[in-house]
Amino acid sequence: MSTTQIQVRRDTATDWSDENPTLAAGEIGFEIDTKLFKIGDGSTAWDSLEYAKYTDSEVEATINDDADHGSTAPHDYATSSDIDLDSLGSYDAGDNSITNQLTATFSGEHDNGTQGSNYTIDWGNGQKQVITLSGSITLSFTDPSGPSNLILRVVQDSTGGRDLTWPSSVLWPGGSKTALSDVASAEDVVSLYYNGTNYYAQMGEDFY
């Protein structure tokens, strides 16, 4: 039985860019170091040719399929700014790992506004939040969906001297709550690790 081996043009990303060839229509050029590829159109030089990429629906389907089948194999997705990940909503990675991530940023700090009476912080609104105090109040928490690293920035109003009573699930080093700054317009940053039951708190004080 005879076999046919098909190979595509391949080189490093640097060499492709240095040579900057124009691929024939339908011809594939593969970067052996990045695992990305481009498909020629017969007229566009390499550096101006976009990488082949998945559509939004294809990315979502692949992620969901991997999670459903317990796959732990890494994938290299050739994506670009054309893919709006916001449209894919929330992901359940199915206990798989996310690897080779350089940075992670958040869409913003959730502002709970100025509060002078008892108030509930809903951690479903984001892991980074701020509250401004116009009175001494009791806080309640709506728990996040799972173990999380959380930040709450607490701002004194122009009067200052406001205090917080924390939920009983917030635990402090040595069992003693760290006092808030009482200077007008001072800020304290409270870091909380939530393990699914309790919040383990540390405070950075007196930012003003």
N, C-alpha and C. Protein backbone atom coordinates (compact mmCIF):
# COMPACT_ATOMS: atom_id res chain seq x y z
N MET A 1 0.85 -1.19 0.00
CA MET A 1 0.00 0.00 0.00
C MET A 1 0.89 1.24 0.00
N SER A 2 0.61 2.13 -0.91
CA SER A 2 1.39 3.36 -0.96
C SER A 2 0.77 4.41 -0.06
N THR A 3 1.60 5.25 0.50
CA THR A 3 1.12 6.33 1.35
C THR A 3 1.59 7.67 0.78
N THR A 4 0.84 8.68 1.06
CA THR A 4 1.17 10.03 0.62
C THR A 4 1.38 10.91 1.83
N GLN A 5 2.53 11.55 1.90
CA GLN A 5 2.81 12.46 3.01
C GLN A 5 2.65 13.90 2.55
N ILE A 6 1.86 14.63 3.29
CA ILE A 6 1.62 16.03 2.96
C ILE A 6 2.34 16.91 3.97
N GLN A 7 3.16 17.81 3.49
CA GLN A 7 3.85 18.76 4.35
C GLN A 7 3.53 20.18 3.90
N VAL A 8 3.50 21.09 4.86
CA VAL A 8 3.26 22.49 4.53
C VAL A 8 4.55 23.28 4.74
N ARG A 9 4.60 24.44 4.15
CA ARG A 9 5.76 25.30 4.34
C ARG A 9 5.86 25.69 5.80
N ARG A 10 7.06 25.65 6.35
CA ARG A 10 7.21 25.91 7.77
C ARG A 10 8.55 26.60 8.03
N ASP A 11 8.55 27.43 9.05
CA ASP A 11 9.76 28.15 9.45
C ASP A 11 9.47 28.83 10.77
N THR A 12 10.47 29.46 11.36
CA THR A 12 10.24 30.23 12.58
C THR A 12 9.52 31.53 12.25
N ALA A 13 8.90 32.12 13.25
CA ALA A 13 8.19 33.38 13.04
C ALA A 13 9.14 34.46 12.53
N THR A 14 10.35 34.50 13.09
CA THR A 14 11.32 35.51 12.67
C THR A 14 11.72 35.33 11.21
N ASP A 15 11.97 34.08 10.83
CA ASP A 15 12.38 33.83 9.45
C ASP A 15 11.26 34.12 8.45
N TRP A 16 10.03 33.78 8.82
CA TRP A 16 8.90 34.11 7.96
C TRP A 16 8.85 35.62 7.73
N SER A 17 8.99 36.38 8.81
CA SER A 17 8.90 37.83 8.71
C SER A 17 10.06 38.42 7.91
N ASP A 18 11.26 37.86 8.13
CA ASP A 18 12.42 38.35 7.40
C ASP A 18 12.28 38.12 5.89
N GLU A 19 11.77 36.94 5.53
CA GLU A 19 11.62 36.60 4.11
C GLU A 19 10.39 37.29 3.51
N ASN A 20 9.32 37.39 4.33
CA ASN A 20 8.08 38.06 3.95
C ASN A 20 7.56 37.63 2.58
N PRO A 21 7.34 36.32 2.38
CA PRO A 21 6.88 35.84 1.07
C PRO A 21 5.39 36.11 0.87
N THR A 22 4.96 35.95 -0.34
CA THR A 22 3.54 35.98 -0.66
C THR A 22 3.09 34.56 -0.95
N LEU A 23 2.25 34.01 -0.06
CA LEU A 23 1.77 32.64 -0.24
C LEU A 23 0.73 32.58 -1.35
N ALA A 24 0.75 31.46 -2.06
CA ALA A 24 -0.27 31.23 -3.08
C ALA A 24 -1.64 31.11 -2.43
N ALA A 25 -2.68 31.32 -3.18
CA ALA A 25 -4.04 31.21 -2.65
C ALA A 25 -4.26 29.81 -2.09
N GLY A 26 -4.62 29.73 -0.81
CA GLY A 26 -4.86 28.44 -0.16
C GLY A 26 -3.61 27.79 0.39
N GLU A 27 -2.44 28.37 0.13
CA GLU A 27 -1.19 27.78 0.64
C GLU A 27 -1.03 28.11 2.12
N ILE A 28 -0.59 27.12 2.91
CA ILE A 28 -0.46 27.27 4.35
C ILE A 28 1.01 27.53 4.71
N GLY A 29 1.23 28.51 5.58
CA GLY A 29 2.55 28.77 6.13
C GLY A 29 2.50 28.61 7.64
N PHE A 30 3.35 27.73 8.18
CA PHE A 30 3.28 27.34 9.59
C PHE A 30 4.51 27.86 10.33
N GLU A 31 4.28 28.48 11.50
CA GLU A 31 5.38 28.92 12.37
C GLU A 31 5.69 27.82 13.37
N ILE A 32 6.86 27.24 13.28
CA ILE A 32 7.17 26.07 14.09
C ILE A 32 7.40 26.42 15.56
N ASP A 33 7.72 27.68 15.85
CA ASP A 33 7.97 28.04 17.25
C ASP A 33 6.72 28.55 17.96
N THR A 34 5.79 29.18 17.24
CA THR A 34 4.57 29.70 17.87
C THR A 34 3.38 28.78 17.68
N LYS A 35 3.49 27.84 16.74
CA LYS A 35 2.41 26.92 16.38
C LYS A 35 1.22 27.65 15.73
N LEU A 36 1.45 28.85 15.21
CA LEU A 36 0.42 29.59 14.50
C LEU A 36 0.63 29.42 13.00
N PHE A 37 -0.40 29.71 12.23
CA PHE A 37 -0.27 29.56 10.78
C PHE A 37 -1.09 30.60 10.05
N LYS A 38 -0.73 30.81 8.80
CA LYS A 38 -1.45 31.72 7.93
C LYS A 38 -1.80 30.99 6.64
N ILE A 39 -2.85 31.44 5.99
CA ILE A 39 -3.30 30.87 4.72
C ILE A 39 -3.23 31.96 3.66
N GLY A 40 -2.47 31.70 2.61
CA GLY A 40 -2.25 32.71 1.59
C GLY A 40 -3.48 33.02 0.76
N ASP A 41 -3.47 34.23 0.16
CA ASP A 41 -4.54 34.61 -0.75
C ASP A 41 -4.00 34.93 -2.14
N GLY A 42 -2.70 34.71 -2.33
CA GLY A 42 -2.11 34.91 -3.64
C GLY A 42 -1.62 36.32 -3.90
N SER A 43 -1.90 37.26 -2.96
CA SER A 43 -1.49 38.64 -3.22
C SER A 43 -0.93 39.37 -2.00
N THR A 44 -1.23 38.90 -0.80
CA THR A 44 -0.82 39.60 0.41
C THR A 44 0.47 39.01 0.96
N ALA A 45 1.48 39.88 1.19
CA ALA A 45 2.75 39.42 1.75
C ALA A 45 2.56 38.95 3.19
N TRP A 46 3.46 38.10 3.64
CA TRP A 46 3.35 37.43 4.94
C TRP A 46 3.07 38.41 6.08
N ASP A 47 3.86 39.48 6.18
CA ASP A 47 3.72 40.38 7.32
C ASP A 47 2.36 41.07 7.37
N SER A 48 1.71 41.21 6.24
CA SER A 48 0.40 41.86 6.19
C SER A 48 -0.76 40.86 6.23
N LEU A 49 -0.42 39.59 6.17
CA LEU A 49 -1.45 38.54 6.15
C LEU A 49 -1.84 38.20 7.58
N GLU A 50 -3.14 38.11 7.85
CA GLU A 50 -3.60 37.77 9.19
C GLU A 50 -3.39 36.29 9.47
N TYR A 51 -3.19 35.97 10.74
CA TYR A 51 -3.14 34.57 11.15
C TYR A 51 -4.52 33.94 10.98
N ALA A 52 -4.52 32.67 10.65
CA ALA A 52 -5.79 31.94 10.64
C ALA A 52 -6.30 31.89 12.06
N LYS A 53 -7.61 32.03 12.26
CA LYS A 53 -8.14 32.10 13.60
C LYS A 53 -9.54 31.50 13.66
N TYR A 54 -9.92 31.14 14.88
CA TYR A 54 -11.25 30.63 15.12
C TYR A 54 -12.24 31.77 15.21
N THR A 55 -13.47 31.50 14.85
CA THR A 55 -14.55 32.44 15.12
C THR A 55 -14.95 32.32 16.58
N ASP A 56 -15.73 33.30 17.08
CA ASP A 56 -16.20 33.27 18.46
C ASP A 56 -16.89 31.94 18.78
N SER A 57 -17.79 31.52 17.90
CA SER A 57 -18.57 30.30 18.18
C SER A 57 -17.67 29.07 18.18
N GLU A 58 -16.63 29.05 17.35
CA GLU A 58 -15.72 27.91 17.32
C GLU A 58 -14.88 27.84 18.59
N VAL A 59 -14.44 29.01 19.10
CA VAL A 59 -13.69 29.03 20.35
C VAL A 59 -14.55 28.52 21.49
N GLU A 60 -15.80 29.03 21.56
CA GLU A 60 -16.70 28.61 22.63
C GLU A 60 -16.98 27.12 22.56
N ALA A 61 -17.21 26.59 21.37
CA ALA A 61 -17.51 25.17 21.21
C ALA A 61 -16.32 24.32 21.64
N THR A 62 -15.11 24.75 21.29
CA THR A 62 -13.91 23.98 21.65
C THR A 62 -13.69 23.98 23.14
N ILE A 63 -13.84 25.16 23.78
CA ILE A 63 -13.67 25.25 25.23
C ILE A 63 -14.68 24.36 25.94
N ASN A 64 -15.95 24.45 25.53
CA ASN A 64 -17.00 23.67 26.18
C ASN A 64 -16.79 22.17 25.96
N ASP A 65 -16.33 21.79 24.76
CA ASP A 65 -16.10 20.38 24.47
C ASP A 65 -14.98 19.83 25.34
N ASP A 66 -13.90 20.59 25.50
CA ASP A 66 -12.79 20.15 26.34
C ASP A 66 -13.24 19.98 27.78
N ALA A 67 -14.00 20.97 28.29
CA ALA A 67 -14.45 20.90 29.68
C ALA A 67 -15.39 19.71 29.89
N ASP A 68 -16.29 19.48 28.93
CA ASP A 68 -17.24 18.37 29.06
C ASP A 68 -16.55 17.02 29.07
N HIS A 69 -15.42 16.90 28.35
CA HIS A 69 -14.75 15.62 28.24
C HIS A 69 -13.51 15.52 29.13
N GLY A 70 -13.33 16.50 30.03
CA GLY A 70 -12.24 16.42 30.99
C GLY A 70 -10.87 16.52 30.37
N SER A 71 -10.76 17.17 29.21
CA SER A 71 -9.47 17.27 28.55
C SER A 71 -8.53 18.17 29.33
N THR A 72 -7.26 17.74 29.48
CA THR A 72 -6.24 18.57 30.10
C THR A 72 -5.17 18.95 29.09
N ALA A 73 -5.38 18.59 27.82
CA ALA A 73 -4.38 18.90 26.80
C ALA A 73 -4.40 20.39 26.49
N PRO A 74 -3.21 21.01 26.39
CA PRO A 74 -3.19 22.43 26.09
C PRO A 74 -3.57 22.70 24.64
N HIS A 75 -4.13 23.86 24.39
CA HIS A 75 -4.46 24.28 23.04
C HIS A 75 -3.80 25.61 22.76
N ASP A 76 -3.32 25.80 21.56
CA ASP A 76 -2.83 27.10 21.12
C ASP A 76 -3.87 27.68 20.18
N TYR A 77 -4.60 28.68 20.64
CA TYR A 77 -5.63 29.28 19.83
C TYR A 77 -5.07 30.51 19.14
N ALA A 78 -5.12 30.53 17.83
CA ALA A 78 -4.66 31.70 17.08
C ALA A 78 -5.78 32.72 17.08
N THR A 79 -5.77 33.60 18.06
CA THR A 79 -6.85 34.56 18.21
C THR A 79 -6.33 35.96 17.97
N SER A 80 -7.26 36.89 17.84
CA SER A 80 -6.88 38.28 17.62
C SER A 80 -7.94 39.16 18.24
N SER A 81 -7.78 40.48 18.06
CA SER A 81 -8.76 41.40 18.60
C SER A 81 -10.12 41.25 17.93
N ASP A 82 -10.17 40.51 16.81
CA ASP A 82 -11.45 40.28 16.14
C ASP A 82 -12.36 39.39 16.97
N ILE A 83 -11.80 38.62 17.89
CA ILE A 83 -12.61 37.72 18.73
C ILE A 83 -13.02 38.45 19.99
N ASP A 84 -14.31 38.63 20.19
CA ASP A 84 -14.83 39.33 21.35
C ASP A 84 -15.16 38.29 22.42
N LEU A 85 -14.23 38.09 23.36
CA LEU A 85 -14.43 37.07 24.38
C LEU A 85 -15.57 37.43 25.31
N ASP A 86 -15.91 38.74 25.41
CA ASP A 86 -17.03 39.13 26.25
C ASP A 86 -18.32 38.46 25.81
N SER A 87 -18.44 38.22 24.51
CA SER A 87 -19.67 37.64 23.98
C SER A 87 -19.83 36.18 24.38
N LEU A 88 -18.73 35.57 24.86
CA LEU A 88 -18.80 34.16 25.24
C LEU A 88 -19.27 33.96 26.67
N GLY A 89 -19.36 35.05 27.46
CA GLY A 89 -19.88 34.95 28.81
C GLY A 89 -18.89 34.32 29.77
N SER A 90 -19.42 33.65 30.79
CA SER A 90 -18.59 33.01 31.82
C SER A 90 -18.17 31.63 31.36
N TYR A 91 -16.98 31.22 31.79
CA TYR A 91 -16.45 29.92 31.41
C TYR A 91 -16.38 29.00 32.63
N ASP A 92 -16.68 27.74 32.42
CA ASP A 92 -16.40 26.70 33.40
C ASP A 92 -15.30 25.84 32.79
N ALA A 93 -14.08 25.95 33.33
CA ALA A 93 -12.95 25.26 32.74
C ALA A 93 -12.93 23.77 33.07
N GLY A 94 -13.90 23.30 33.84
CA GLY A 94 -13.98 21.87 34.11
C GLY A 94 -12.78 21.32 34.86
N ASP A 95 -12.25 22.10 35.83
CA ASP A 95 -11.08 21.72 36.63
C ASP A 95 -9.80 21.61 35.82
N ASN A 96 -9.80 22.14 34.60
CA ASN A 96 -8.57 22.17 33.81
C ASN A 96 -7.76 23.41 34.16
N SER A 97 -6.49 23.41 33.77
CA SER A 97 -5.59 24.51 34.08
C SER A 97 -5.54 25.51 32.93
N ILE A 98 -5.31 26.76 33.29
CA ILE A 98 -5.00 27.80 32.31
C ILE A 98 -3.50 28.07 32.44
N THR A 99 -2.76 27.84 31.39
CA THR A 99 -1.31 27.92 31.47
C THR A 99 -0.77 29.03 30.57
N ASN A 100 0.47 29.42 30.87
CA ASN A 100 1.22 30.38 30.04
C ASN A 100 0.50 31.73 29.92
N GLN A 101 -0.18 32.12 30.99
CA GLN A 101 -0.86 33.40 30.99
C GLN A 101 0.10 34.46 31.50
N LEU A 102 0.28 35.53 30.75
CA LEU A 102 1.23 36.57 31.13
C LEU A 102 0.63 37.50 32.18
N THR A 103 -0.55 38.01 31.95
CA THR A 103 -1.22 38.89 32.90
C THR A 103 -2.71 38.60 32.91
N ALA A 104 -3.36 39.03 33.97
CA ALA A 104 -4.82 38.98 34.05
C ALA A 104 -5.30 40.32 34.58
N THR A 105 -6.19 40.95 33.89
CA THR A 105 -6.73 42.23 34.32
C THR A 105 -8.23 42.14 34.46
N PHE A 106 -8.80 43.12 35.17
CA PHE A 106 -10.23 43.13 35.44
C PHE A 106 -10.87 44.29 34.70
N SER A 107 -12.16 44.18 34.45
CA SER A 107 -12.85 45.19 33.66
C SER A 107 -12.99 46.50 34.42
N GLY A 108 -12.82 46.46 35.74
CA GLY A 108 -12.93 47.69 36.54
C GLY A 108 -13.15 47.36 38.00
N GLU A 109 -13.09 48.39 38.82
CA GLU A 109 -13.36 48.26 40.25
C GLU A 109 -14.83 48.58 40.47
N HIS A 110 -15.56 47.64 41.08
CA HIS A 110 -16.99 47.89 41.30
C HIS A 110 -17.18 48.90 42.42
N ASP A 111 -17.91 49.96 42.15
CA ASP A 111 -18.13 51.04 43.10
C ASP A 111 -19.47 50.85 43.80
N ASN A 112 -19.42 50.65 45.12
CA ASN A 112 -20.63 50.49 45.91
C ASN A 112 -21.22 51.83 46.37
N GLY A 113 -20.60 52.92 45.95
CA GLY A 113 -21.12 54.23 46.31
C GLY A 113 -20.83 54.61 47.75
N THR A 114 -21.50 55.66 48.22
CA THR A 114 -21.34 56.15 49.58
C THR A 114 -22.45 55.57 50.45
N GLN A 115 -22.05 54.92 51.54
CA GLN A 115 -23.03 54.21 52.37
C GLN A 115 -22.90 54.67 53.83
N GLY A 116 -24.06 54.99 54.43
CA GLY A 116 -24.09 55.42 55.82
C GLY A 116 -24.94 54.54 56.70
N SER A 117 -25.49 53.46 56.12
CA SER A 117 -26.27 52.49 56.89
C SER A 117 -25.86 51.09 56.46
N ASN A 118 -26.31 50.10 57.18
CA ASN A 118 -25.90 48.72 56.94
C ASN A 118 -26.00 48.35 55.46
N TYR A 119 -25.01 47.61 54.99
CA TYR A 119 -24.89 47.42 53.54
C TYR A 119 -24.32 46.03 53.25
N THR A 120 -24.73 45.47 52.09
CA THR A 120 -24.24 44.17 51.66
C THR A 120 -23.33 44.32 50.46
N ILE A 121 -22.11 43.80 50.57
CA ILE A 121 -21.17 43.73 49.45
C ILE A 121 -21.44 42.43 48.71
N ASP A 122 -21.79 42.52 47.46
CA ASP A 122 -22.04 41.33 46.63
C ASP A 122 -20.78 41.04 45.83
N TRP A 123 -20.06 39.99 46.19
CA TRP A 123 -18.81 39.66 45.50
C TRP A 123 -19.04 39.12 44.10
N GLY A 124 -20.30 38.86 43.77
CA GLY A 124 -20.61 38.50 42.39
C GLY A 124 -20.47 39.68 41.43
N ASN A 125 -20.36 40.90 42.00
CA ASN A 125 -20.19 42.09 41.17
C ASN A 125 -18.74 42.32 40.77
N GLY A 126 -17.83 41.53 41.32
CA GLY A 126 -16.42 41.68 40.96
C GLY A 126 -15.53 41.43 42.16
N GLN A 127 -14.30 41.04 41.88
CA GLN A 127 -13.36 40.72 42.95
C GLN A 127 -12.62 41.95 43.47
N LYS A 128 -12.74 43.08 42.78
CA LYS A 128 -12.13 44.33 43.22
C LYS A 128 -13.24 45.35 43.41
N GLN A 129 -13.44 45.82 44.66
CA GLN A 129 -14.55 46.72 44.94
C GLN A 129 -14.12 47.86 45.86
N VAL A 130 -14.94 48.91 45.89
CA VAL A 130 -14.69 50.07 46.74
C VAL A 130 -15.99 50.50 47.39
N ILE A 131 -15.89 50.99 48.62
CA ILE A 131 -17.04 51.56 49.31
C ILE A 131 -16.58 52.81 50.04
N THR A 132 -17.39 53.86 50.00
CA THR A 132 -17.11 55.09 50.74
C THR A 132 -18.07 55.16 51.92
N LEU A 133 -17.54 55.46 53.10
CA LEU A 133 -18.34 55.47 54.33
C LEU A 133 -18.73 56.88 54.70
N SER A 134 -20.03 57.08 54.94
CA SER A 134 -20.53 58.35 55.47
C SER A 134 -21.10 58.14 56.87
N GLY A 135 -20.91 56.96 57.42
CA GLY A 135 -21.34 56.61 58.77
C GLY A 135 -20.73 55.29 59.15
N SER A 136 -20.80 54.93 60.42
CA SER A 136 -20.31 53.63 60.89
C SER A 136 -21.40 52.60 60.62
N ILE A 137 -21.06 51.55 59.89
CA ILE A 137 -22.08 50.62 59.40
C ILE A 137 -21.65 49.18 59.65
N THR A 138 -22.61 48.28 59.50
CA THR A 138 -22.36 46.84 59.54
C THR A 138 -22.41 46.30 58.12
N LEU A 139 -21.36 45.58 57.76
CA LEU A 139 -21.29 44.98 56.42
C LEU A 139 -21.78 43.55 56.44
N SER A 140 -22.42 43.15 55.36
CA SER A 140 -22.71 41.74 55.06
C SER A 140 -22.10 41.43 53.71
N PHE A 141 -21.81 40.15 53.48
CA PHE A 141 -21.24 39.72 52.21
C PHE A 141 -22.18 38.74 51.52
N THR A 142 -22.34 38.90 50.22
CA THR A 142 -22.85 37.84 49.37
C THR A 142 -21.64 37.11 48.81
N ASP A 143 -21.49 35.83 49.14
CA ASP A 143 -20.27 35.10 48.83
C ASP A 143 -20.03 34.96 47.34
N PRO A 144 -18.76 34.93 46.93
CA PRO A 144 -18.45 34.57 45.54
C PRO A 144 -18.75 33.10 45.30
N SER A 145 -18.69 32.68 44.06
CA SER A 145 -19.10 31.32 43.71
C SER A 145 -18.10 30.26 44.14
N GLY A 146 -16.88 30.67 44.50
CA GLY A 146 -15.87 29.70 44.92
C GLY A 146 -14.69 30.42 45.53
N PRO A 147 -13.66 29.67 45.96
CA PRO A 147 -12.46 30.29 46.54
C PRO A 147 -11.93 31.43 45.67
N SER A 148 -11.61 32.56 46.31
CA SER A 148 -11.25 33.76 45.56
C SER A 148 -10.31 34.64 46.37
N ASN A 149 -9.51 35.43 45.66
CA ASN A 149 -8.73 36.50 46.25
C ASN A 149 -9.46 37.81 45.97
N LEU A 150 -9.84 38.51 47.03
CA LEU A 150 -10.72 39.67 46.91
C LEU A 150 -10.06 40.91 47.49
N ILE A 151 -10.43 42.07 46.95
CA ILE A 151 -9.94 43.36 47.45
C ILE A 151 -11.13 44.28 47.70
N LEU A 152 -11.15 44.89 48.89
CA LEU A 152 -12.14 45.93 49.19
C LEU A 152 -11.40 47.19 49.63
N ARG A 153 -11.57 48.25 48.87
CA ARG A 153 -10.98 49.55 49.21
C ARG A 153 -12.04 50.34 49.99
N VAL A 154 -11.69 50.73 51.22
CA VAL A 154 -12.61 51.42 52.11
C VAL A 154 -12.16 52.88 52.23
N VAL A 155 -13.05 53.80 51.85
CA VAL A 155 -12.72 55.22 51.80
C VAL A 155 -13.54 55.97 52.86
N GLN A 156 -12.87 56.80 53.67
CA GLN A 156 -13.57 57.68 54.60
C GLN A 156 -14.10 58.90 53.85
N ASP A 157 -15.25 59.39 54.27
CA ASP A 157 -15.77 60.61 53.64
C ASP A 157 -15.00 61.83 54.16
N SER A 158 -15.49 63.02 53.86
CA SER A 158 -14.77 64.24 54.24
C SER A 158 -14.80 64.51 55.74
N THR A 159 -15.59 63.74 56.48
CA THR A 159 -15.62 63.86 57.94
C THR A 159 -14.63 62.90 58.59
N GLY A 160 -14.62 61.65 58.13
CA GLY A 160 -13.73 60.65 58.68
C GLY A 160 -14.25 60.07 59.98
N GLY A 161 -13.48 59.17 60.56
CA GLY A 161 -13.84 58.54 61.82
C GLY A 161 -14.92 57.49 61.71
N ARG A 162 -15.23 57.05 60.49
CA ARG A 162 -16.27 56.02 60.29
C ARG A 162 -15.68 54.63 60.56
N ASP A 163 -16.51 53.72 61.01
CA ASP A 163 -16.04 52.38 61.33
C ASP A 163 -16.91 51.33 60.64
N LEU A 164 -16.37 50.12 60.56
CA LEU A 164 -17.08 48.99 59.97
C LEU A 164 -17.19 47.86 60.99
N THR A 165 -18.36 47.24 61.03
CA THR A 165 -18.51 45.95 61.71
C THR A 165 -18.54 44.90 60.62
N TRP A 166 -17.59 43.96 60.68
CA TRP A 166 -17.42 42.98 59.60
C TRP A 166 -18.27 41.74 59.86
N PRO A 167 -18.59 40.99 58.82
CA PRO A 167 -19.28 39.70 59.01
C PRO A 167 -18.46 38.77 59.90
N SER A 168 -19.11 37.89 60.61
CA SER A 168 -18.41 36.96 61.51
C SER A 168 -17.50 36.00 60.75
N SER A 169 -17.72 35.86 59.46
CA SER A 169 -16.89 34.95 58.65
C SER A 169 -15.55 35.59 58.27
N VAL A 170 -15.36 36.86 58.58
CA VAL A 170 -14.08 37.54 58.31
C VAL A 170 -13.16 37.32 59.51
N LEU A 171 -12.03 36.69 59.27
CA LEU A 171 -11.07 36.36 60.32
C LEU A 171 -9.82 37.21 60.15
N TRP A 172 -9.28 37.68 61.28
CA TRP A 172 -8.13 38.57 61.27
C TRP A 172 -6.93 37.91 61.95
N PRO A 173 -5.72 38.29 61.60
CA PRO A 173 -4.52 37.73 62.27
C PRO A 173 -4.59 37.96 63.79
N GLY A 174 -4.36 36.91 64.54
CA GLY A 174 -4.41 37.01 65.99
C GLY A 174 -5.80 37.15 66.55
N GLY A 175 -6.82 37.10 65.69
CA GLY A 175 -8.19 37.18 66.15
C GLY A 175 -8.68 38.58 66.44
N SER A 176 -7.86 39.61 66.14
CA SER A 176 -8.25 40.99 66.43
C SER A 176 -8.42 41.77 65.13
N LYS A 177 -9.56 42.43 65.01
CA LYS A 177 -9.84 43.23 63.83
C LYS A 177 -8.88 44.41 63.75
N THR A 178 -8.37 44.67 62.55
CA THR A 178 -7.55 45.84 62.33
C THR A 178 -8.45 47.06 62.19
N ALA A 179 -8.13 48.13 62.93
CA ALA A 179 -8.96 49.32 62.92
C ALA A 179 -8.78 50.10 61.61
N LEU A 180 -9.88 50.69 61.13
CA LEU A 180 -9.81 51.54 59.96
C LEU A 180 -9.11 52.86 60.30
N SER A 181 -8.53 53.49 59.28
CA SER A 181 -8.01 54.84 59.43
C SER A 181 -9.16 55.78 59.73
N ASP A 182 -8.94 56.78 60.60
CA ASP A 182 -10.04 57.68 60.94
C ASP A 182 -9.85 59.09 60.41
N VAL A 183 -8.82 59.29 59.57
CA VAL A 183 -8.58 60.60 58.98
C VAL A 183 -9.57 60.84 57.84
N ALA A 184 -10.03 62.05 57.69
CA ALA A 184 -10.94 62.38 56.60
C ALA A 184 -10.33 62.04 55.26
N SER A 185 -11.09 61.38 54.41
CA SER A 185 -10.71 60.99 53.04
C SER A 185 -9.61 59.93 53.00
N ALA A 186 -9.26 59.34 54.14
CA ALA A 186 -8.25 58.27 54.16
C ALA A 186 -8.81 57.03 53.49
N GLU A 187 -7.91 56.20 53.00
CA GLU A 187 -8.30 54.95 52.36
C GLU A 187 -7.55 53.78 52.98
N ASP A 188 -8.25 52.69 53.18
CA ASP A 188 -7.66 51.42 53.62
C ASP A 188 -7.96 50.37 52.55
N VAL A 189 -7.02 49.49 52.33
CA VAL A 189 -7.21 48.43 51.34
C VAL A 189 -7.20 47.09 52.07
N VAL A 190 -8.33 46.40 52.01
CA VAL A 190 -8.50 45.13 52.71
C VAL A 190 -8.40 43.99 51.70
N SER A 191 -7.44 43.11 51.94
CA SER A 191 -7.26 41.92 51.10
C SER A 191 -7.91 40.73 51.78
N LEU A 192 -8.72 40.02 51.07
CA LEU A 192 -9.48 38.90 51.63
C LEU A 192 -9.25 37.65 50.80
N TYR A 193 -8.89 36.56 51.48
CA TYR A 193 -8.87 35.26 50.80
C TYR A 193 -10.08 34.47 51.29
N TYR A 194 -10.96 34.14 50.35
CA TYR A 194 -12.16 33.38 50.66
C TYR A 194 -11.93 31.92 50.30
N ASN A 195 -12.08 31.02 51.27
CA ASN A 195 -11.81 29.60 51.01
C ASN A 195 -13.08 28.77 50.79
N GLY A 196 -14.19 29.45 50.65
CA GLY A 196 -15.46 28.77 50.50
C GLY A 196 -16.29 28.81 51.76
N THR A 197 -15.65 29.18 52.88
CA THR A 197 -16.36 29.29 54.16
C THR A 197 -16.05 30.61 54.85
N ASN A 198 -14.76 30.89 55.03
CA ASN A 198 -14.32 32.08 55.75
C ASN A 198 -13.53 33.02 54.85
N TYR A 199 -13.43 34.27 55.30
CA TYR A 199 -12.63 35.29 54.63
C TYR A 199 -11.43 35.61 55.53
N TYR A 200 -10.23 35.38 55.05
CA TYR A 200 -9.02 35.65 55.81
C TYR A 200 -8.50 37.02 55.40
N ALA A 201 -8.47 37.96 56.36
CA ALA A 201 -8.29 39.37 56.03
C ALA A 201 -6.94 39.91 56.48
N GLN A 202 -6.41 40.80 55.63
CA GLN A 202 -5.26 41.64 55.95
C GLN A 202 -5.58 43.03 55.46
N MET A 203 -5.08 44.05 56.17
CA MET A 203 -5.40 45.44 55.79
C MET A 203 -4.15 46.26 55.57
N GLY A 204 -4.12 47.00 54.47
CA GLY A 204 -3.14 48.05 54.26
C GLY A 204 -3.77 49.37 54.64
N GLU A 205 -3.15 50.11 55.56
CA GLU A 205 -3.81 51.25 56.19
C GLU A 205 -3.25 52.60 55.76
N ASP A 206 -4.09 53.61 55.99
CA ASP A 206 -3.69 55.02 55.96
C ASP A 206 -3.16 55.48 54.62
N PHE A 207 -3.90 55.22 53.57
CA PHE A 207 -3.54 55.78 52.26
C PHE A 207 -4.31 57.10 52.12
N TYR A 208 -3.59 58.21 52.14
CA TYR A 208 -4.24 59.52 51.98
C TYR A 208 -3.19 60.56 51.63
